[in-house]
């Protein structure tokens, strides 16, 4: 009988990217963003975190959490670096990014680094986020910029965040090309019954939407108008 009391290798430190959002539904634009961020910042993993009730979408009704998780699982099935993490779905009330980042940090191996994928369109409202300064101290933001954001979109926050945090935002700025897919357009196309358009959905997601009759869609019998 052998003893299992010998030394064990310590857990591997991670360079972890957190990608939160509604993912209502997940589309190829989301995947393109995650892949670009992973390559640019050498991330070992990217966790997709579907929000329960995004604070900026309190008046919006989302597809059920379980459906959004299932669509994410289908979309990420062949990506070994990607993972669905539904921790926010178990909370009551709005999903605050600081709470998520803190919870993630507490479970990571020593020496890990946490990066937060942050849409450039969120920059103007960032100083008003819940515990915004503490959040930016906890993570390295990856600011997902787009053409039209201007030469220095972070500069518009001057005076609203400490200088060292502005520099942290600039250090994480990632200029992205136009991405395919828009969740609102996809939902509208599904509701209209469109089938002959490129919905920019990962494999398996469109059949799931139709099977579950999400976004007003459903399985239609060919040649039957109903």
Protein backbone atom coordinates (compact mmCIF):
# COMPACT_ATOMS: atom_id res chain seq x y z
CA UNK A 1 0.00 0.00 0.00
CA UNK A 2 1.48 3.35 -1.01
CA UNK A 3 1.26 6.61 0.89
CA UNK A 4 -0.37 9.64 -0.73
CA UNK A 5 1.14 12.08 1.73
CA UNK A 6 4.08 13.24 -0.40
CA UNK A 7 4.49 16.78 -1.75
CA UNK A 8 2.08 17.87 -4.43
CA UNK A 9 2.54 20.39 -7.20
CA UNK A 10 0.98 23.76 -6.33
CA UNK A 11 -1.97 24.90 -8.46
CA UNK A 12 -0.95 26.63 -11.67
CA UNK A 13 -1.26 30.42 -11.61
CA UNK A 14 -3.65 31.80 -14.23
CA UNK A 15 -3.83 34.81 -16.47
CA UNK A 16 -7.60 34.88 -16.38
CA UNK A 17 -9.91 37.03 -18.49
CA UNK A 18 -13.42 37.74 -17.20
CA UNK A 19 -15.98 38.47 -19.90
CA UNK A 20 -19.36 39.45 -18.49
CA UNK A 21 -22.52 40.29 -20.38
CA UNK A 22 -26.08 39.33 -21.14
CA UNK A 23 -25.07 36.94 -23.96
CA UNK A 24 -28.66 37.17 -25.13
CA UNK A 25 -27.73 35.34 -27.33
CA UNK A 26 -24.01 34.55 -27.59
CA UNK A 27 -22.82 35.29 -31.14
CA UNK A 28 -19.63 35.16 -33.19
CA UNK A 29 -18.82 38.78 -32.37
CA UNK A 30 -18.47 37.82 -28.71
CA UNK A 31 -16.13 34.98 -29.64
CA UNK A 32 -14.02 37.23 -31.87
CA UNK A 33 -13.59 39.73 -29.03
CA UNK A 34 -12.56 37.02 -26.55
CA UNK A 35 -10.09 35.48 -29.01
CA UNK A 36 -8.50 38.86 -29.75
CA UNK A 37 -8.16 39.72 -26.06
CA UNK A 38 -6.71 36.30 -25.30
CA UNK A 39 -4.04 36.66 -27.97
CA UNK A 40 -3.16 40.27 -27.11
CA UNK A 41 -2.76 39.69 -23.36
CA UNK A 42 -1.65 36.05 -23.36
CA UNK A 43 -4.63 34.90 -21.33
CA UNK A 44 -4.62 31.28 -20.25
CA UNK A 45 -8.40 31.20 -19.85
CA UNK A 46 -11.43 33.37 -20.57
CA UNK A 47 -14.50 32.91 -18.40
CA UNK A 48 -17.84 33.95 -19.89
CA UNK A 49 -20.07 35.23 -17.08
CA UNK A 50 -23.75 35.60 -18.06
CA UNK A 51 -25.33 38.33 -15.96
CA UNK A 52 -28.48 37.76 -13.95
CA UNK A 53 -29.74 41.35 -13.92
CA UNK A 54 -27.23 43.79 -15.49
CA UNK A 55 -27.43 47.09 -13.54
CA UNK A 56 -27.72 49.06 -16.81
CA UNK A 57 -30.53 46.80 -18.10
CA UNK A 58 -32.86 46.66 -15.12
CA UNK A 59 -35.89 47.31 -17.33
CA UNK A 60 -34.96 44.70 -19.94
CA UNK A 61 -36.27 41.15 -19.94
CA UNK A 62 -33.63 38.61 -20.84
CA UNK A 63 -33.89 35.00 -21.93
CA UNK A 64 -33.74 32.69 -18.92
CA UNK A 65 -30.40 32.14 -17.29
CA UNK A 66 -30.40 28.41 -18.00
CA UNK A 67 -31.06 29.01 -21.71
CA UNK A 68 -28.24 31.53 -21.95
CA UNK A 69 -25.89 29.12 -20.19
CA UNK A 70 -26.87 26.31 -22.58
CA UNK A 71 -26.23 28.54 -25.60
CA UNK A 72 -22.83 29.51 -24.19
CA UNK A 73 -21.95 25.85 -23.60
CA UNK A 74 -22.79 25.06 -27.22
CA UNK A 75 -20.75 28.01 -28.50
CA UNK A 76 -17.68 27.26 -26.37
CA UNK A 77 -17.70 23.47 -26.62
CA UNK A 78 -14.61 23.28 -28.86
CA UNK A 79 -12.61 26.10 -27.23
CA UNK A 80 -10.32 24.60 -24.59
CA UNK A 81 -9.43 28.06 -23.21
CA UNK A 82 -13.04 29.17 -22.70
CA UNK A 83 -15.39 28.36 -19.84
CA UNK A 84 -18.93 29.26 -18.84
CA UNK A 85 -19.11 30.50 -15.25
CA UNK A 86 -22.72 31.10 -14.11
CA UNK A 87 -21.90 32.42 -10.63
CA UNK A 88 -23.84 35.67 -11.16
CA UNK A 89 -27.04 33.80 -11.96
CA UNK A 90 -27.28 32.59 -8.38
CA UNK A 91 -27.46 36.10 -6.93
CA UNK A 92 -30.54 38.13 -6.22
CA UNK A 93 -30.76 41.65 -7.60
CA UNK A 94 -28.31 43.36 -9.97
CA UNK A 95 -25.01 41.70 -10.95
CA UNK A 96 -22.16 43.94 -9.83
CA UNK A 97 -18.80 43.39 -11.50
CA UNK A 98 -16.85 44.14 -8.33
CA UNK A 99 -18.62 41.34 -6.43
CA UNK A 100 -17.82 38.90 -9.22
CA UNK A 101 -14.16 39.92 -9.48
CA UNK A 102 -13.69 39.64 -5.72
CA UNK A 103 -15.32 36.19 -5.64
CA UNK A 104 -13.11 34.99 -8.49
CA UNK A 105 -9.94 36.34 -6.87
CA UNK A 106 -10.65 34.48 -3.65
CA UNK A 107 -10.63 31.15 -5.49
CA UNK A 108 -7.52 31.56 -7.66
CA UNK A 109 -4.03 30.11 -7.13
CA UNK A 110 -1.35 32.43 -5.78
CA UNK A 111 0.37 34.51 -8.46
CA UNK A 112 -2.67 34.64 -10.75
CA UNK A 113 -3.68 37.77 -12.62
CA UNK A 114 -7.24 38.80 -13.43
CA UNK A 115 -8.17 40.80 -16.53
CA UNK A 116 -11.59 42.31 -17.13
CA UNK A 117 -12.91 42.66 -20.68
CA UNK A 118 -14.65 46.01 -20.75
CA UNK A 119 -16.54 47.42 -23.73
CA UNK A 120 -15.35 50.86 -24.77
CA UNK A 121 -18.97 52.02 -24.78
CA UNK A 122 -18.99 51.44 -21.01
CA UNK A 123 -16.16 53.88 -20.36
CA UNK A 124 -18.26 57.06 -19.89
CA UNK A 125 -20.30 55.47 -17.11
CA UNK A 126 -17.45 53.51 -15.51
CA UNK A 127 -16.73 55.98 -12.65
CA UNK A 128 -20.33 55.54 -11.48
CA UNK A 129 -20.10 51.75 -11.28
CA UNK A 130 -20.43 50.08 -7.91
CA UNK A 131 -17.02 50.29 -6.16
CA UNK A 132 -15.44 51.30 -9.47
CA UNK A 133 -12.05 52.34 -8.10
CA UNK A 134 -11.70 49.18 -6.02
CA UNK A 135 -12.63 47.14 -9.08
CA UNK A 136 -9.92 48.76 -11.19
CA UNK A 137 -7.39 48.16 -8.42
CA UNK A 138 -8.38 44.49 -8.34
CA UNK A 139 -8.16 43.76 -12.08
CA UNK A 140 -6.31 44.83 -15.18
CA UNK A 141 -9.00 46.11 -17.56
CA UNK A 142 -8.89 45.24 -21.24
CA UNK A 143 -10.77 48.10 -22.88
CA UNK A 144 -12.38 46.91 -26.11
CA UNK A 145 -12.21 49.97 -28.33
CA UNK A 146 -13.82 50.55 -31.69
CA UNK A 147 -13.20 52.98 -34.52
CA UNK A 148 -14.98 56.20 -33.71
CA UNK A 149 -14.04 56.14 -30.02
CA UNK A 150 -11.60 58.99 -30.63
CA UNK A 151 -7.82 59.19 -30.11
CA UNK A 152 -8.03 59.03 -26.30
CA UNK A 153 -11.43 57.92 -24.98
CA UNK A 154 -9.90 57.34 -21.55
CA UNK A 155 -8.98 61.03 -21.38
CA UNK A 156 -12.66 61.93 -21.06
CA UNK A 157 -12.53 60.39 -17.57
CA UNK A 158 -9.81 62.79 -16.40
CA UNK A 159 -10.80 64.12 -12.98
CA UNK A 160 -13.34 61.36 -12.43
CA UNK A 161 -10.81 58.60 -11.66
CA UNK A 162 -7.32 58.77 -10.12
CA UNK A 163 -4.47 59.24 -12.60
CA UNK A 164 -2.98 55.81 -11.88
CA UNK A 165 -6.26 54.12 -12.77
CA UNK A 166 -6.56 56.10 -15.99
CA UNK A 167 -3.11 54.86 -16.94
CA UNK A 168 -4.19 51.33 -16.12
CA UNK A 169 -7.13 51.71 -18.50
CA UNK A 170 -4.84 53.05 -21.24
CA UNK A 171 -2.43 50.15 -20.74
CA UNK A 172 -5.28 47.75 -21.43
CA UNK A 173 -6.72 49.51 -24.47
CA UNK A 174 -7.32 47.11 -27.37
CA UNK A 175 -8.40 48.53 -30.72
CA UNK A 176 -10.78 46.11 -32.41
CA UNK A 177 -11.95 45.85 -36.01
CA UNK A 178 -15.71 45.83 -36.68
CA UNK A 179 -17.13 42.62 -35.26
CA UNK A 180 -19.86 40.47 -36.81
CA UNK A 181 -23.08 39.94 -34.96
CA UNK A 182 -25.38 42.13 -32.91
CA UNK A 183 -27.66 40.54 -30.31
CA UNK A 184 -30.57 42.90 -30.93
CA UNK A 185 -30.44 42.28 -34.70
CA UNK A 186 -30.29 38.53 -34.11
CA UNK A 187 -33.32 38.64 -31.82
CA UNK A 188 -35.26 40.70 -34.37
CA UNK A 189 -34.34 38.32 -37.21
CA UNK A 190 -35.38 35.29 -35.17
CA UNK A 191 -38.72 36.90 -34.28
CA UNK A 192 -39.39 37.66 -37.95
CA UNK A 193 -38.84 34.03 -38.93
CA UNK A 194 -35.83 34.86 -41.09
CA UNK A 195 -33.86 31.81 -42.22
CA UNK A 196 -31.86 32.94 -45.25
CA UNK A 197 -29.65 35.45 -43.44
CA UNK A 198 -26.33 35.00 -41.70
CA UNK A 199 -27.22 35.37 -38.04
CA UNK A 200 -23.58 35.14 -36.93
CA UNK A 201 -24.43 32.44 -34.44
CA UNK A 202 -21.94 29.72 -33.39
CA UNK A 203 -22.77 26.12 -34.38
CA UNK A 204 -25.66 24.65 -32.46
CA UNK A 205 -27.01 27.95 -31.11
CA UNK A 206 -29.61 28.69 -33.80
CA UNK A 207 -31.24 25.22 -33.57
CA UNK A 208 -31.35 25.61 -29.80
CA UNK A 209 -33.08 29.00 -30.10
CA UNK A 210 -35.69 27.59 -32.47
CA UNK A 211 -36.22 24.45 -30.42
CA UNK A 212 -36.79 26.52 -27.28
CA UNK A 213 -38.81 29.18 -29.16
CA UNK A 214 -36.61 31.95 -27.77
CA UNK A 215 -36.92 35.53 -29.01
CA UNK A 216 -40.24 34.76 -30.67
CA UNK A 217 -38.71 32.06 -32.86
CA UNK A 218 -39.82 28.48 -33.23
CA UNK A 219 -39.55 25.47 -35.44
CA UNK A 220 -41.67 26.10 -38.54
CA UNK A 221 -42.90 23.47 -40.93
CA UNK A 222 -41.58 24.18 -44.47
CA UNK A 223 -44.31 25.47 -46.80
CA UNK A 224 -46.74 26.12 -43.95
CA UNK A 225 -47.62 29.71 -43.11
CA UNK A 226 -48.71 30.04 -39.53
